[in-house]
N, C-alpha and C. Protein backbone atom coordinates (compact mmCIF):
# COMPACT_ATOMS: atom_id res chain seq x y z
N MET A 1 1.16 -1.03 -0.01
CA MET A 1 0.08 -0.05 -0.11
C MET A 1 0.69 1.20 0.09
N ILE A 2 1.94 0.99 0.76
CA ILE A 2 2.71 2.48 1.11
C ILE A 2 3.62 2.79 -0.64
N ASP A 3 4.02 1.69 -1.05
CA ASP A 3 4.95 1.80 -2.36
C ASP A 3 3.90 2.23 -3.54
N TYR A 4 2.21 1.70 -3.56
CA TYR A 4 1.74 2.52 -4.38
C TYR A 4 1.26 4.10 -3.98
N PHE A 5 1.29 4.14 -2.88
CA PHE A 5 0.74 5.74 -2.64
C PHE A 5 2.30 6.42 -3.04
N ALA A 6 3.45 5.78 -2.57
CA ALA A 6 4.54 6.63 -3.19
C ALA A 6 4.97 6.96 -4.15
N ILE A 7 4.50 5.94 -5.22
CA ILE A 7 4.43 6.12 -6.76
C ILE A 7 3.44 7.03 -7.18
N ALA A 8 2.36 6.76 -6.61
CA ALA A 8 0.91 7.72 -7.28
C ALA A 8 1.63 9.38 -6.74
N LEU A 9 1.94 9.58 -5.81
CA LEU A 9 2.39 11.02 -5.16
C LEU A 9 3.74 11.26 -5.90
N THR A 10 4.60 10.74 -6.30
CA THR A 10 5.87 11.43 -6.79
C THR A 10 5.28 11.14 -8.33
N HIS A 11 4.70 10.60 -9.08
CA HIS A 11 4.14 10.56 -10.38
C HIS A 11 3.21 12.05 -10.70
N GLY A 12 2.48 12.03 -9.47
CA GLY A 12 1.40 13.06 -10.10
C GLY A 12 1.90 14.14 -9.43
N LEU A 13 3.17 14.72 -8.76
CA LEU A 13 3.89 16.02 -8.97
C LEU A 13 4.75 15.99 -9.75
N MET A 14 4.82 15.13 -10.41
CA MET A 14 5.98 15.21 -11.64
C MET A 14 4.75 15.69 -12.83
N ALA A 15 3.48 15.22 -13.01
CA ALA A 15 2.54 15.71 -13.77
C ALA A 15 1.82 16.81 -13.31
N LEU A 16 1.88 17.36 -12.41
CA LEU A 16 1.78 18.79 -11.80
C LEU A 16 2.48 19.76 -12.41
N ALA A 17 3.72 19.56 -12.26
CA ALA A 17 5.12 20.41 -12.72
C ALA A 17 5.20 20.52 -14.20
N ALA A 18 4.65 19.48 -15.12
CA ALA A 18 4.91 19.39 -16.11
C ALA A 18 3.55 20.15 -16.85
N TRP A 19 2.46 20.24 -16.30
CA TRP A 19 1.29 20.80 -16.83
C TRP A 19 1.58 22.20 -16.65
N ARG A 20 2.07 22.78 -15.22
CA ARG A 20 2.28 24.16 -14.99
C ARG A 20 3.71 24.74 -15.74
N LEU A 21 4.81 23.75 -16.32
CA LEU A 21 5.37 24.20 -17.50
C LEU A 21 5.23 24.47 -18.75
N LEU A 22 4.25 23.71 -19.02
CA LEU A 22 3.57 23.53 -20.47
C LEU A 22 2.59 24.78 -20.36
N ALA A 23 2.31 25.04 -19.28
CA ALA A 23 0.97 26.21 -19.14
C ALA A 23 1.58 27.94 -19.15
N ARG A 24 2.94 27.53 -19.34
CA ARG A 24 3.61 29.04 -19.04
C ARG A 24 3.34 29.95 -20.30
N PRO A 25 2.94 31.14 -20.23
CA PRO A 25 2.70 31.77 -21.65
C PRO A 25 3.81 32.29 -22.26
N ASP A 26 4.99 32.20 -21.61
CA ASP A 26 6.43 32.48 -21.78
C ASP A 26 7.06 31.41 -23.23
N LEU A 27 6.26 30.11 -23.08
CA LEU A 27 7.00 28.70 -23.56
C LEU A 27 7.16 29.31 -25.02
N ASP A 28 5.93 29.89 -25.70
CA ASP A 28 5.62 29.84 -26.99
C ASP A 28 6.13 31.60 -27.45
N ASP A 29 6.95 32.07 -26.93
CA ASP A 29 7.19 33.29 -26.88
C ASP A 29 8.76 33.55 -27.86
N ASP A 30 8.80 33.93 -28.97
CA ASP A 30 10.07 33.54 -29.80
C ASP A 30 10.86 35.11 -29.59
N SER A 31 10.62 35.93 -29.33
CA SER A 31 10.96 37.14 -29.26
C SER A 31 12.45 37.04 -27.81
N LEU A 32 12.19 36.34 -27.13
CA LEU A 32 13.37 35.81 -26.25
C LEU A 32 14.33 35.07 -26.98
N ALA A 33 14.14 34.11 -27.92
CA ALA A 33 14.99 33.82 -28.40
C ALA A 33 16.05 34.26 -29.27
N SER A 34 15.31 35.16 -30.27
CA SER A 34 15.66 36.22 -31.02
C SER A 34 16.75 37.41 -30.05
N GLU A 35 16.63 37.55 -28.99
CA GLU A 35 17.14 38.41 -28.01
C GLU A 35 18.75 37.74 -27.59
N GLU A 36 18.27 36.49 -27.48
CA GLU A 36 19.09 35.68 -26.64
C GLU A 36 20.60 35.38 -27.77
N LYS A 37 20.10 35.17 -29.38
CA LYS A 37 21.21 35.28 -30.50
C LYS A 37 21.68 36.60 -30.63
N ALA A 38 20.80 37.60 -30.59
CA ALA A 38 21.32 39.12 -30.66
C ALA A 38 22.60 38.97 -29.42
N LYS A 39 22.78 38.40 -28.44
CA LYS A 39 23.52 39.24 -27.39
C LYS A 39 25.22 38.36 -27.73
N PRO A 40 26.06 39.30 -27.40
CA PRO A 40 27.58 39.04 -27.92
C PRO A 40 27.92 38.23 -26.71
N LYS A 41 28.75 36.96 -27.41
CA LYS A 41 29.05 36.04 -26.14
C LYS A 41 30.97 36.56 -25.69
N PRO A 42 31.10 37.02 -24.44
CA PRO A 42 32.35 37.27 -24.04
C PRO A 42 33.43 36.45 -24.49
N TRP A 43 33.15 34.95 -23.95
CA TRP A 43 33.90 34.09 -24.38
C TRP A 43 34.29 33.55 -25.73
N LEU A 44 33.67 33.83 -26.69
CA LEU A 44 33.81 33.61 -28.03
C LEU A 44 34.98 34.93 -28.48
N ALA A 45 34.53 36.20 -28.06
CA ALA A 45 35.49 37.42 -27.92
C ALA A 45 36.74 37.46 -27.35
N ALA A 46 36.65 36.70 -26.62
CA ALA A 46 38.29 36.38 -25.92
C ALA A 46 38.96 35.27 -26.43
N ARG A 47 38.42 34.32 -27.18
CA ARG A 47 38.92 33.41 -27.63
C ARG A 47 39.67 34.23 -29.00
N ASP A 48 39.14 35.13 -29.54
CA ASP A 48 39.48 35.41 -30.91
C ASP A 48 40.28 36.40 -30.80
N ASP A 49 40.65 37.21 -29.38
CA ASP A 49 41.64 38.08 -29.33
C ASP A 49 43.06 37.31 -28.84
N ASN A 50 42.98 36.45 -28.60
CA ASN A 50 44.35 35.84 -28.57
C ASN A 50 44.71 34.46 -29.21
N PRO A 51 44.39 34.79 -30.39
CA PRO A 51 44.85 33.60 -31.38
C PRO A 51 46.07 32.81 -31.27
N GLY A 52 46.86 33.07 -30.65
CA GLY A 52 48.54 32.26 -30.40
C GLY A 52 48.15 31.12 -29.16
N ASP A 53 46.95 31.60 -28.35
CA ASP A 53 46.83 30.54 -26.97
C ASP A 53 46.85 28.95 -27.60
N GLY A 54 46.69 28.74 -28.39
CA GLY A 54 46.44 27.25 -28.68
C GLY A 54 45.11 26.98 -28.78
N HIS A 55 44.17 27.52 -28.42
CA HIS A 55 42.46 27.16 -28.45
C HIS A 55 42.07 27.76 -29.34
N GLY A 56 41.91 27.05 -30.37
CA GLY A 56 40.73 27.81 -31.70
C GLY A 56 41.23 26.92 -32.69
């Protein structure tokens, strides 16, 4: 009995978490992805500044 309760509780909580994540309004917002691509990546700029460091 305890084992069935533990399995039902944990699976129920995982289903609730998945339901809440899928219901988020920013899940289908593509504007955030385009802003993320536009941001400069400092680790790429630092690697390009030092071509003789053996990484690249």
